[in-house]
């Protein structure tokens, strides 16, 4: 998953993010493929969902098949979970690649609880997740990076945590030596941002930014309807709002995959750090003004 700050809105949809006529035609073609996948794999009724897992993706066409090859066999063994790829207006055919890969290349018998939601225009990771929350029909909601930067084995720890807490966040800081395996740039920027977020927003968590978080759905709806950011700082805003609303929060260890650690950071050193600082300051001001209540 690319860094949220790198998402740039495109003038291909109206201000509300509604798809253009061309995008609607593409969506219809994709939906037809997904429906055919379901028909070919049987009509067995899935059990009531325990949790919905949103996987936001943006311009991941070249790697999405590898993700599906991990996800679909896992999903087939966990029918109580619902997985939804949320394509955030990708320009490289990611949504079509997901549908094609599910249709033609992965041999799984029976129904597969994996779906695709395509947004009309790129609006950032925060917006993609907020949209998924509004459509969640399970009692628990989880989001994790769409490139599986954190393996699917983390899900059980989140589900366990949600038995006793409203919010569970993955923390790389709870894995000994985890930061030593991350590139120098990512380590410095991540540590700096988190230190400022903790000081400015009063967040006691050593890692606010891991793309691995779970919520009781009722809490998620209340939190994300108040979230105003969609870029890098949306995680910190969501956690700040959760604390403002009195929700209970706990942390679980989050181990980053070797493949994700090897990815080059797309953070713009000239533009992004000042923007991140401004967003954190904005969260603090909104909190002081009571705008999240």
C-alpha atoms as a PDB file:
ATOM      1  CA  UNK A   1       0.000   0.000   0.000  1.00  0.00           C
ATOM      2  CA  UNK A   2       1.458   3.338  -0.911  1.00  0.00           C
ATOM      3  CA  UNK A   3       1.900   5.991   1.769  1.00  0.00           C
ATOM      4  CA  UNK A   4      -1.427   7.796   2.336  1.00  0.00           C
ATOM      5  CA  UNK A   5       0.208  11.186   1.865  1.00  0.00           C
ATOM      6  CA  UNK A   6       1.072  10.296  -1.706  1.00  0.00           C
ATOM      7  CA  UNK A   7      -2.569   9.962  -2.746  1.00  0.00           C
ATOM      8  CA  UNK A   8      -3.635  12.822  -4.976  1.00  0.00           C
ATOM      9  CA  UNK A   9      -7.256  13.448  -5.872  1.00  0.00           C
ATOM     10  CA  UNK A  10      -8.044  13.250  -9.567  1.00  0.00           C
ATOM     11  CA  UNK A  11     -10.581  15.383 -11.453  1.00  0.00           C
ATOM     12  CA  UNK A  12     -12.414  12.307 -12.716  1.00  0.00           C
ATOM     13  CA  UNK A  13     -15.353  12.476 -10.325  1.00  0.00           C
ATOM     14  CA  UNK A  14     -17.536  15.074  -8.704  1.00  0.00           C
ATOM     15  CA  UNK A  15     -16.807  16.561  -5.307  1.00  0.00           C
ATOM     16  CA  UNK A  16     -18.696  13.813  -3.530  1.00  0.00           C
ATOM     17  CA  UNK A  17     -16.536  11.136  -5.119  1.00  0.00           C
ATOM     18  CA  UNK A  18     -19.251   9.776  -7.392  1.00  0.00           C
ATOM     19  CA  UNK A  19     -17.920   7.840 -10.396  1.00  0.00           C
ATOM     20  CA  UNK A  20     -18.063   9.250 -13.895  1.00  0.00           C
ATOM     21  CA  UNK A  21     -20.006   7.466 -16.655  1.00  0.00           C
ATOM     22  CA  UNK A  22     -16.838   5.713 -17.849  1.00  0.00           C
ATOM     23  CA  UNK A  23     -15.970   4.624 -14.308  1.00  0.00           C
ATOM     24  CA  UNK A  24     -19.507   3.310 -13.837  1.00  0.00           C
ATOM     25  CA  UNK A  25     -19.132   1.188 -16.958  1.00  0.00           C
ATOM     26  CA  UNK A  26     -15.836  -0.168 -15.656  1.00  0.00           C
ATOM     27  CA  UNK A  27     -17.441  -0.893 -12.280  1.00  0.00           C
ATOM     28  CA  UNK A  28     -20.227  -2.825 -14.008  1.00  0.00           C
ATOM     29  CA  UNK A  29     -17.701  -4.960 -15.872  1.00  0.00           C
ATOM     30  CA  UNK A  30     -15.771  -5.641 -12.663  1.00  0.00           C
ATOM     31  CA  UNK A  31     -18.966  -6.467 -10.758  1.00  0.00           C
ATOM     32  CA  UNK A  32     -19.974  -8.940 -13.466  1.00  0.00           C
ATOM     33  CA  UNK A  33     -16.640 -10.713 -13.074  1.00  0.00           C
ATOM     34  CA  UNK A  34     -16.995 -10.870  -9.297  1.00  0.00           C
ATOM     35  CA  UNK A  35     -20.535 -12.232  -9.577  1.00  0.00           C
ATOM     36  CA  UNK A  36     -19.310 -14.911 -11.977  1.00  0.00           C
ATOM     37  CA  UNK A  37     -16.586 -15.853  -9.492  1.00  0.00           C
ATOM     38  CA  UNK A  38     -19.236 -16.373  -6.813  1.00  0.00           C
ATOM     39  CA  UNK A  39     -21.400 -18.458  -9.175  1.00  0.00           C
ATOM     40  CA  UNK A  40     -18.515 -20.686 -10.221  1.00  0.00           C
ATOM     41  CA  UNK A  41     -17.485 -21.308  -6.629  1.00  0.00           C
ATOM     42  CA  UNK A  42     -20.876 -22.433  -5.399  1.00  0.00           C
ATOM     43  CA  UNK A  43     -23.820 -20.974  -3.573  1.00  0.00           C
ATOM     44  CA  UNK A  44     -23.266 -22.333  -0.066  1.00  0.00           C
ATOM     45  CA  UNK A  45     -24.526 -19.836   2.495  1.00  0.00           C
ATOM     46  CA  UNK A  46     -21.780 -18.305   4.625  1.00  0.00           C
ATOM     47  CA  UNK A  47     -22.302 -17.989   8.393  1.00  0.00           C
ATOM     48  CA  UNK A  48     -23.133 -14.646   9.954  1.00  0.00           C
ATOM     49  CA  UNK A  49     -19.995 -12.496   9.896  1.00  0.00           C
ATOM     50  CA  UNK A  50     -18.004 -11.968  13.064  1.00  0.00           C
ATOM     51  CA  UNK A  51     -15.793  -9.267  11.562  1.00  0.00           C
ATOM     52  CA  UNK A  52     -15.286  -7.348   8.355  1.00  0.00           C
ATOM     53  CA  UNK A  53     -11.701  -6.736   7.292  1.00  0.00           C
ATOM     54  CA  UNK A  54     -11.132  -3.798   4.961  1.00  0.00           C
ATOM     55  CA  UNK A  55      -7.999  -3.830   2.814  1.00  0.00           C
ATOM     56  CA  UNK A  56      -7.463  -0.408   1.195  1.00  0.00           C
ATOM     57  CA  UNK A  57      -5.450  -0.539  -2.032  1.00  0.00           C
ATOM     58  CA  UNK A  58      -4.151   2.108  -4.404  1.00  0.00           C
ATOM     59  CA  UNK A  59      -2.245   1.364  -7.620  1.00  0.00           C
ATOM     60  CA  UNK A  60      -1.300  -2.178  -6.587  1.00  0.00           C
ATOM     61  CA  UNK A  61      -2.012  -3.962  -9.910  1.00  0.00           C
ATOM     62  CA  UNK A  62       1.523  -5.355 -10.160  1.00  0.00           C
ATOM     63  CA  UNK A  63       1.436  -6.987  -6.710  1.00  0.00           C
ATOM     64  CA  UNK A  64      -2.230  -7.698  -6.013  1.00  0.00           C
ATOM     65  CA  UNK A  65      -2.141 -11.268  -7.321  1.00  0.00           C
ATOM     66  CA  UNK A  66       0.478 -12.233  -4.730  1.00  0.00           C
ATOM     67  CA  UNK A  67      -1.773 -10.730  -2.053  1.00  0.00           C
ATOM     68  CA  UNK A  68      -4.784 -12.714  -3.281  1.00  0.00           C
ATOM     69  CA  UNK A  69      -2.776 -15.936  -3.325  1.00  0.00           C
ATOM     70  CA  UNK A  70      -2.271 -15.472   0.416  1.00  0.00           C
ATOM     71  CA  UNK A  71      -5.687 -14.079   1.238  1.00  0.00           C
ATOM     72  CA  UNK A  72      -8.124 -16.372  -0.590  1.00  0.00           C
ATOM     73  CA  UNK A  73      -6.952 -19.689   0.923  1.00  0.00           C
ATOM     74  CA  UNK A  74      -6.974 -18.037   4.362  1.00  0.00           C
ATOM     75  CA  UNK A  75     -10.465 -16.606   3.801  1.00  0.00           C
ATOM     76  CA  UNK A  76     -11.786 -19.988   2.660  1.00  0.00           C
ATOM     77  CA  UNK A  77     -10.796 -21.438   6.044  1.00  0.00           C
ATOM     78  CA  UNK A  78     -12.352 -18.524   7.964  1.00  0.00           C
ATOM     79  CA  UNK A  79     -15.934 -18.186   6.682  1.00  0.00           C
ATOM     80  CA  UNK A  80     -16.896 -16.112   9.719  1.00  0.00           C
ATOM     81  CA  UNK A  81     -14.735 -13.257   8.398  1.00  0.00           C
ATOM     82  CA  UNK A  82     -15.556 -10.950   5.480  1.00  0.00           C
ATOM     83  CA  UNK A  83     -12.722  -9.406   3.493  1.00  0.00           C
ATOM     84  CA  UNK A  84     -13.316  -6.323   1.366  1.00  0.00           C
ATOM     85  CA  UNK A  85     -10.716  -4.761  -0.907  1.00  0.00           C
ATOM     86  CA  UNK A  86     -11.403  -1.029  -1.070  1.00  0.00           C
ATOM     87  CA  UNK A  87      -9.850   0.310  -4.252  1.00  0.00           C
ATOM     88  CA  UNK A  88      -9.183   3.996  -3.673  1.00  0.00           C
ATOM     89  CA  UNK A  89      -9.568   5.179  -7.269  1.00  0.00           C
ATOM     90  CA  UNK A  90      -6.501   3.364  -8.618  1.00  0.00           C
ATOM     91  CA  UNK A  91      -5.347   4.517 -12.044  1.00  0.00           C
ATOM     92  CA  UNK A  92      -3.465   1.317 -12.936  1.00  0.00           C
ATOM     93  CA  UNK A  93      -6.342  -1.168 -13.146  1.00  0.00           C
ATOM     94  CA  UNK A  94      -5.992  -2.580  -9.633  1.00  0.00           C
ATOM     95  CA  UNK A  95      -9.733  -3.276  -9.301  1.00  0.00           C
ATOM     96  CA  UNK A  96      -9.825  -5.146 -12.601  1.00  0.00           C
ATOM     97  CA  UNK A  97      -6.706  -7.092 -11.634  1.00  0.00           C
ATOM     98  CA  UNK A  98      -8.412  -8.221  -8.417  1.00  0.00           C
ATOM     99  CA  UNK A  99     -11.487  -9.423 -10.286  1.00  0.00           C
ATOM    100  CA  UNK A 100      -9.432 -11.138 -13.006  1.00  0.00           C
ATOM    101  CA  UNK A 101      -7.194 -12.931 -10.518  1.00  0.00           C
ATOM    102  CA  UNK A 102     -10.172 -14.200  -8.519  1.00  0.00           C
ATOM    103  CA  UNK A 103     -11.923 -15.318 -11.695  1.00  0.00           C
ATOM    104  CA  UNK A 104      -9.144 -17.130 -13.498  1.00  0.00           C
ATOM    105  CA  UNK A 105      -6.218 -18.147 -11.418  1.00  0.00           C
ATOM    106  CA  UNK A 106      -6.890 -19.268  -7.870  1.00  0.00           C
ATOM    107  CA  UNK A 107      -8.449 -22.701  -7.457  1.00  0.00           C
ATOM    108  CA  UNK A 108     -10.577 -22.650  -4.309  1.00  0.00           C
ATOM    109  CA  UNK A 109     -13.720 -24.742  -3.948  1.00  0.00           C
ATOM    110  CA  UNK A 110     -16.860 -23.308  -2.439  1.00  0.00           C
ATOM    111  CA  UNK A 111     -17.787 -19.703  -1.622  1.00  0.00           C
ATOM    112  CA  UNK A 112     -15.025 -17.248  -0.919  1.00  0.00           C
ATOM    113  CA  UNK A 113     -15.812 -14.395   1.448  1.00  0.00           C
ATOM    114  CA  UNK A 114     -13.758 -11.822  -0.441  1.00  0.00           C
ATOM    115  CA  UNK A 115     -15.364  -8.794  -2.074  1.00  0.00           C
ATOM    116  CA  UNK A 116     -14.321  -5.668  -3.941  1.00  0.00           C
ATOM    117  CA  UNK A 117     -15.466  -2.079  -3.404  1.00  0.00           C
ATOM    118  CA  UNK A 118     -14.259   0.474  -5.935  1.00  0.00           C
ATOM    119  CA  UNK A 119     -14.342   4.172  -5.026  1.00  0.00           C
ATOM    120  CA  UNK A 120     -14.850   6.653  -7.825  1.00  0.00           C
ATOM    121  CA  UNK A 121     -11.813   8.855  -7.190  1.00  0.00           C
ATOM    122  CA  UNK A 122      -8.635   8.748  -5.129  1.00  0.00           C
ATOM    123  CA  UNK A 123      -9.323  10.399  -1.793  1.00  0.00           C
ATOM    124  CA  UNK A 124      -6.741   8.887   0.536  1.00  0.00           C
ATOM    125  CA  UNK A 125      -6.536   5.866   2.796  1.00  0.00           C
ATOM    126  CA  UNK A 126      -8.539   7.519   5.572  1.00  0.00           C
ATOM    127  CA  UNK A 127     -11.489   8.144   3.281  1.00  0.00           C
ATOM    128  CA  UNK A 128     -11.373   4.587   1.947  1.00  0.00           C
ATOM    129  CA  UNK A 129     -11.533   3.182   5.465  1.00  0.00           C
ATOM    130  CA  UNK A 130     -14.277   5.575   6.556  1.00  0.00           C
ATOM    131  CA  UNK A 131     -16.364   4.460   3.579  1.00  0.00           C
ATOM    132  CA  UNK A 132     -15.816   0.794   4.486  1.00  0.00           C
ATOM    133  CA  UNK A 133     -16.973   1.488   8.050  1.00  0.00           C
ATOM    134  CA  UNK A 134     -20.301   2.875   6.813  1.00  0.00           C
ATOM    135  CA  UNK A 135     -20.922  -0.341   4.873  1.00  0.00           C
ATOM    136  CA  UNK A 136     -19.824  -2.788   7.567  1.00  0.00           C
ATOM    137  CA  UNK A 137     -22.568  -5.236   8.623  1.00  0.00           C
ATOM    138  CA  UNK A 138     -20.480  -7.228  11.099  1.00  0.00           C
ATOM    139  CA  UNK A 139     -20.130  -6.484  14.836  1.00  0.00           C
ATOM    140  CA  UNK A 140     -16.372  -5.964  14.478  1.00  0.00           C
ATOM    141  CA  UNK A 141     -14.428  -3.901  11.950  1.00  0.00           C
ATOM    142  CA  UNK A 142     -10.731  -4.273  11.147  1.00  0.00           C
ATOM    143  CA  UNK A 143      -8.520  -2.586   8.609  1.00  0.00           C
ATOM    144  CA  UNK A 144      -5.118  -3.746   7.485  1.00  0.00           C
ATOM    145  CA  UNK A 145      -2.793  -2.624   4.710  1.00  0.00           C
ATOM    146  CA  UNK A 146      -3.907  -4.064   1.387  1.00  0.00           C
ATOM    147  CA  UNK A 147      -0.444  -5.342   0.497  1.00  0.00           C
ATOM    148  CA  UNK A 148      -0.511  -7.492   3.674  1.00  0.00           C
ATOM    149  CA  UNK A 149       2.379  -5.589   5.224  1.00  0.00           C
ATOM    150  CA  UNK A 150       1.106  -7.290   8.382  1.00  0.00           C
ATOM    151  CA  UNK A 151       0.332 -10.951   7.930  1.00  0.00           C
ATOM    152  CA  UNK A 152      -3.151 -12.382   8.281  1.00  0.00           C
ATOM    153  CA  UNK A 153      -1.991 -14.225  11.396  1.00  0.00           C
ATOM    154  CA  UNK A 154      -2.352 -10.913  13.278  1.00  0.00           C
ATOM    155  CA  UNK A 155      -6.137 -11.044  12.959  1.00  0.00           C
ATOM    156  CA  UNK A 156      -6.703 -13.434  15.859  1.00  0.00           C
ATOM    157  CA  UNK A 157      -4.842 -11.120  18.254  1.00  0.00           C
ATOM    158  CA  UNK A 158      -7.057  -8.228  17.181  1.00  0.00           C
ATOM    159  CA  UNK A 159     -10.212 -10.331  17.554  1.00  0.00           C
ATOM    160  CA  UNK A 160      -9.143 -11.432  21.022  1.00  0.00           C
ATOM    161  CA  UNK A 161      -8.415  -7.854  22.057  1.00  0.00           C
ATOM    162  CA  UNK A 162     -11.839  -6.717  20.871  1.00  0.00           C
ATOM    163  CA  UNK A 163     -13.494  -9.053  23.362  1.00  0.00           C
ATOM    164  CA  UNK A 164     -12.455  -6.667  26.142  1.00  0.00           C
ATOM    165  CA  UNK A 165     -11.709  -3.348  24.401  1.00  0.00           C
ATOM    166  CA  UNK A 166     -13.443  -1.043  21.934  1.00  0.00           C
ATOM    167  CA  UNK A 167     -10.305  -0.439  19.876  1.00  0.00           C
ATOM    168  CA  UNK A 168      -7.195  -2.560  19.303  1.00  0.00           C
ATOM    169  CA  UNK A 169      -4.149  -1.170  17.520  1.00  0.00           C
ATOM    170  CA  UNK A 170      -1.171  -3.001  16.094  1.00  0.00           C
ATOM    171  CA  UNK A 171       2.127  -1.748  17.462  1.00  0.00           C
ATOM    172  CA  UNK A 172       5.513  -2.370  15.886  1.00  0.00           C
ATOM    173  CA  UNK A 173       7.043  -1.012  19.083  1.00  0.00           C
ATOM    174  CA  UNK A 174       5.928  -4.170  20.915  1.00  0.00           C
ATOM    175  CA  UNK A 175       8.088  -6.377  18.670  1.00  0.00           C
ATOM    176  CA  UNK A 176      11.707  -6.396  19.924  1.00  0.00           C
ATOM    177  CA  UNK A 177      14.125  -5.131  17.273  1.00  0.00           C
ATOM    178  CA  UNK A 178      11.354  -4.357  14.768  1.00  0.00           C
ATOM    179  CA  UNK A 179      12.527  -0.789  14.172  1.00  0.00           C
ATOM    180  CA  UNK A 180      16.046  -1.986  13.385  1.00  0.00           C
ATOM    181  CA  UNK A 181      14.745  -3.839  10.333  1.00  0.00           C
ATOM    182  CA  UNK A 182      13.119  -0.739   8.820  1.00  0.00           C
ATOM    183  CA  UNK A 183      14.972   1.634   6.482  1.00  0.00           C
ATOM    184  CA  UNK A 184      16.633   4.629   8.095  1.00  0.00           C
ATOM    185  CA  UNK A 185      14.267   7.158   6.503  1.00  0.00           C
ATOM    186  CA  UNK A 186      11.130   5.332   7.584  1.00  0.00           C
ATOM    187  CA  UNK A 187      12.501   4.800  11.080  1.00  0.00           C
ATOM    188  CA  UNK A 188      13.388   8.474  11.588  1.00  0.00           C
ATOM    189  CA  UNK A 189      10.148   9.817  10.138  1.00  0.00           C
ATOM    190  CA  UNK A 190       8.001   7.289  11.973  1.00  0.00           C
ATOM    191  CA  UNK A 191       9.670   7.871  15.323  1.00  0.00           C
ATOM    192  CA  UNK A 192       9.558  11.636  14.877  1.00  0.00           C
ATOM    193  CA  UNK A 193       5.900  11.715  13.912  1.00  0.00           C
ATOM    194  CA  UNK A 194       4.924   9.403  16.737  1.00  0.00           C
ATOM    195  CA  UNK A 195       6.866  11.408  19.316  1.00  0.00           C
ATOM    196  CA  UNK A 196       5.123  14.608  18.210  1.00  0.00           C
ATOM    197  CA  UNK A 197       1.725  12.894  18.142  1.00  0.00           C
ATOM    198  CA  UNK A 198       2.223  11.587  21.668  1.00  0.00           C
ATOM    199  CA  UNK A 199       3.316  14.968  22.989  1.00  0.00           C
ATOM    200  CA  UNK A 200       0.865  17.173  21.123  1.00  0.00           C
ATOM    201  CA  UNK A 201      -2.205  14.938  21.302  1.00  0.00           C
ATOM    202  CA  UNK A 202      -1.542  13.188  24.599  1.00  0.00           C
ATOM    203  CA  UNK A 203      -1.584   9.745  22.994  1.00  0.00           C
ATOM    204  CA  UNK A 204       0.216   7.186  25.180  1.00  0.00           C
ATOM    205  CA  UNK A 205       0.869   4.715  22.348  1.00  0.00           C
ATOM    206  CA  UNK A 206       4.372   4.092  20.994  1.00  0.00           C
ATOM    207  CA  UNK A 207       3.070   3.390  17.490  1.00  0.00           C
ATOM    208  CA  UNK A 208       0.042   5.227  16.115  1.00  0.00           C
ATOM    209  CA  UNK A 209       0.704   4.586  12.436  1.00  0.00           C
ATOM    210  CA  UNK A 210       0.693   0.815  11.843  1.00  0.00           C
ATOM    211  CA  UNK A 211      -1.871  -0.123   9.200  1.00  0.00           C
ATOM    212  CA  UNK A 212      -3.452  -2.703  11.492  1.00  0.00           C
ATOM    213  CA  UNK A 213      -6.347  -1.634  13.717  1.00  0.00           C
ATOM    214  CA  UNK A 214      -9.576  -3.170  14.949  1.00  0.00           C
ATOM    215  CA  UNK A 215     -12.791  -1.671  16.325  1.00  0.00           C
ATOM    216  CA  UNK A 216     -16.124  -2.699  17.649  1.00  0.00           C
ATOM    217  CA  UNK A 217     -18.261  -1.512  14.759  1.00  0.00           C
ATOM    218  CA  UNK A 218     -20.475   0.772  16.835  1.00  0.00           C
ATOM    219  CA  UNK A 219     -17.332   2.531  18.062  1.00  0.00           C
ATOM    220  CA  UNK A 220     -15.847   2.668  14.568  1.00  0.00           C
ATOM    221  CA  UNK A 221     -18.956   4.418  13.236  1.00  0.00           C
ATOM    222  CA  UNK A 222     -18.804   7.067  15.943  1.00  0.00           C
ATOM    223  CA  UNK A 223     -15.071   7.593  15.451  1.00  0.00           C
ATOM    224  CA  UNK A 224     -14.879   7.686  11.665  1.00  0.00           C
ATOM    225  CA  UNK A 225     -17.888   9.944  11.165  1.00  0.00           C
ATOM    226  CA  UNK A 226     -15.786  12.527  13.042  1.00  0.00           C
ATOM    227  CA  UNK A 227     -12.479  11.870  11.243  1.00  0.00           C
ATOM    228  CA  UNK A 228     -11.632  14.764   8.915  1.00  0.00           C
ATOM    229  CA  UNK A 229      -8.233  13.670   7.572  1.00  0.00           C
ATOM    230  CA  UNK A 230      -7.502  11.101   4.887  1.00  0.00           C
ATOM    231  CA  UNK A 231      -3.707  11.207   4.670  1.00  0.00           C
ATOM    232  CA  UNK A 232      -0.834  10.206   6.932  1.00  0.00           C
ATOM    233  CA  UNK A 233      -2.285  11.642  10.160  1.00  0.00           C
ATOM    234  CA  UNK A 234      -5.742  10.050   9.955  1.00  0.00           C
ATOM    235  CA  UNK A 235      -4.678   7.195  12.287  1.00  0.00           C
ATOM    236  CA  UNK A 236      -3.620   9.663  14.967  1.00  0.00           C
ATOM    237  CA  UNK A 237      -6.859  11.606  14.539  1.00  0.00           C
ATOM    238  CA  UNK A 238      -8.928   8.425  14.877  1.00  0.00           C
ATOM    239  CA  UNK A 239      -7.114   7.459  18.095  1.00  0.00           C
ATOM    240  CA  UNK A 240      -7.441  10.989  19.488  1.00  0.00           C
ATOM    241  CA  UNK A 241     -11.185  10.922  18.793  1.00  0.00           C
ATOM    242  CA  UNK A 242     -11.514   7.472  20.372  1.00  0.00           C
ATOM    243  CA  UNK A 243      -9.941   8.774  23.579  1.00  0.00           C
ATOM    244  CA  UNK A 244     -12.106  11.921  23.479  1.00  0.00           C
ATOM    245  CA  UNK A 245     -15.198   9.728  23.274  1.00  0.00           C
ATOM    246  CA  UNK A 246     -14.045   7.517  26.137  1.00  0.00           C
ATOM    247  CA  UNK A 247     -13.477   4.283  24.218  1.00  0.00           C
ATOM    248  CA  UNK A 248     -11.104   1.691  25.659  1.00  0.00           C
ATOM    249  CA  UNK A 249      -7.961   1.030  23.630  1.00  0.00           C
ATOM    250  CA  UNK A 250      -5.272  -1.638  23.821  1.00  0.00           C
ATOM    251  CA  UNK A 251      -2.211  -2.576  21.760  1.00  0.00           C
ATOM    252  CA  UNK A 252      -1.014  -5.863  20.265  1.00  0.00           C
ATOM    253  CA  UNK A 253       2.367  -6.640  18.648  1.00  0.00           C
ATOM    254  CA  UNK A 254       2.573  -6.015  14.889  1.00  0.00           C
ATOM    255  CA  UNK A 255       5.390  -7.503  12.825  1.00  0.00           C
ATOM    256  CA  UNK A 256       6.082  -5.962   9.410  1.00  0.00           C
ATOM    257  CA  UNK A 257       6.655  -8.379   6.525  1.00  0.00           C
ATOM    258  CA  UNK A 258      10.095  -8.540   4.923  1.00  0.00           C
ATOM    259  CA  UNK A 259       8.589  -7.572   1.561  1.00  0.00           C
ATOM    260  CA  UNK A 260       7.085  -4.402   2.980  1.00  0.00           C
ATOM    261  CA  UNK A 261      10.268  -3.430   4.789  1.00  0.00           C
ATOM    262  CA  UNK A 262      12.078  -3.586   1.454  1.00  0.00           C
ATOM    263  CA  UNK A 263       9.687  -1.109  -0.184  1.00  0.00           C
ATOM    264  CA  UNK A 264      11.007   2.366  -0.884  1.00  0.00           C
ATOM    265  CA  UNK A 265       9.301   5.096   1.109  1.00  0.00           C
ATOM    266  CA  UNK A 266       7.338   7.564  -0.995  1.00  0.00           C
ATOM    267  CA  UNK A 267       7.343  10.291   1.635  1.00  0.00           C
ATOM    268  CA  UNK A 268       8.411  13.638   0.170  1.00  0.00           C
ATOM    269  CA  UNK A 269      10.972  15.028   2.614  1.00  0.00           C
ATOM    270  CA  UNK A 270      10.389  18.595   1.476  1.00  0.00           C
ATOM    271  CA  UNK A 271       6.581  18.603   1.480  1.00  0.00           C
ATOM    272  CA  UNK A 272       5.240  15.901   3.771  1.00  0.00           C
ATOM    273  CA  UNK A 273       6.780  16.549   7.229  1.00  0.00           C
ATOM    274  CA  UNK A 274       5.433  20.144   7.455  1.00  0.00           C
ATOM    275  CA  UNK A 275       2.021  18.891   6.297  1.00  0.00           C
ATOM    276  CA  UNK A 276       2.055  16.128   8.914  1.00  0.00           C
ATOM    277  CA  UNK A 277       2.918  18.633  11.655  1.00  0.00           C
ATOM    278  CA  UNK A 278       0.149  20.981  10.504  1.00  0.00           C
ATOM    279  CA  UNK A 279      -2.368  18.130  10.550  1.00  0.00           C
ATOM    280  CA  UNK A 280      -1.401  17.154  14.097  1.00  0.00           C
ATOM    281  CA  UNK A 281      -1.712  20.779  15.203  1.00  0.00           C
ATOM    282  CA  UNK A 282      -5.138  20.913  13.546  1.00  0.00           C
ATOM    283  CA  UNK A 283      -6.271  17.828  15.472  1.00  0.00           C
ATOM    284  CA  UNK A 284      -5.191  19.464  18.731  1.00  0.00           C
ATOM    285  CA  UNK A 285      -7.035  22.684  17.947  1.00  0.00           C
ATOM    286  CA  UNK A 286     -10.223  20.828  17.000  1.00  0.00           C
ATOM    287  CA  UNK A 287      -9.994  18.890  20.238  1.00  0.00           C
ATOM    288  CA  UNK A 288      -9.610  22.054  22.301  1.00  0.00           C
ATOM    289  CA  UNK A 289     -12.617  23.573  20.510  1.00  0.00           C
ATOM    290  CA  UNK A 290     -14.703  20.496  21.266  1.00  0.00           C
ATOM    291  CA  UNK A 291     -15.322  19.732  17.586  1.00  0.00           C
ATOM    292  CA  UNK A 292     -14.960  15.978  18.064  1.00  0.00           C
ATOM    293  CA  UNK A 293     -17.587  15.679  20.781  1.00  0.00           C
END
